[in-house]
Amino acid sequence: MVAVLMNHVVLDNLLEKYYHQLKIIVILFQQNMHFDLLWKSFMKLDLLIL
């Protein structure tokens, strides 16, 4: 699973719960997407681009 995360807060929260399910974590600093989209799509997508 590859996740592209918006910021360190999101990264920290997801690392706490889902670190064992991640293969690669890419931090991308963008503000044009909402956390809800990330949260709802996180477990369904192999690659999430924000």
Protein backbone atom coordinates (compact mmCIF):
# COMPACT_ATOMS: atom_id res chain seq x y z
CA MET A 1 0.00 0.00 0.00
CA VAL A 2 1.22 3.46 -0.88
CA ALA A 3 -0.23 6.53 0.79
CA VAL A 4 0.37 10.15 -0.05
CA LEU A 5 -0.31 12.22 3.03
CA MET A 6 -1.07 15.90 3.46
CA ASN A 7 0.93 16.76 6.55
CA HIS A 8 2.73 15.42 9.61
CA VAL A 9 -0.44 15.35 11.70
CA VAL A 10 -2.14 13.02 9.24
CA LEU A 11 1.06 11.03 8.95
CA ASP A 12 1.36 10.59 12.71
CA ASN A 13 -2.28 9.55 13.08
CA LEU A 14 -2.08 7.00 10.28
CA LEU A 15 1.27 5.67 11.41
CA GLU A 16 -0.17 4.94 14.84
CA LYS A 17 -3.00 2.83 13.45
CA TYR A 18 -1.88 1.55 10.06
CA TYR A 19 1.90 1.45 10.02
CA HIS A 20 1.96 -2.33 9.66
CA GLN A 21 -0.16 -2.09 6.51
CA LEU A 22 1.97 0.49 4.74
CA LYS A 23 4.82 -0.26 2.42
CA ILE A 24 5.69 3.25 1.37
CA ILE A 25 4.65 6.57 2.87
CA VAL A 26 5.04 9.68 0.79
CA ILE A 27 4.50 13.03 2.43
CA LEU A 28 3.00 15.63 0.14
CA PHE A 29 2.28 19.08 1.47
CA GLN A 30 -0.90 20.25 -0.21
CA GLN A 31 -3.98 21.93 1.19
CA ASN A 32 -6.49 21.49 -1.63
CA MET A 33 -7.83 18.13 -0.46
CA HIS A 34 -9.79 17.31 2.67
CA PHE A 35 -8.87 14.81 5.34
CA ASP A 36 -12.23 13.05 4.88
CA LEU A 37 -11.27 12.05 1.35
CA LEU A 38 -8.01 10.61 2.59
CA TRP A 39 -9.66 8.78 5.47
CA LYS A 40 -12.44 7.22 3.39
CA SER A 41 -10.14 6.22 0.56
CA PHE A 42 -7.11 5.20 2.57
CA MET A 43 -7.91 1.53 3.02
CA LYS A 44 -9.32 1.08 -0.49
CA LEU A 45 -6.57 2.46 -2.69
CA ASP A 46 -3.07 1.24 -3.41
CA LEU A 47 -2.02 4.75 -4.35
CA LEU A 48 -3.69 7.85 -2.96
CA ILE A 49 -2.60 11.14 -4.50
CA LEU A 50 -3.73 14.34 -2.83
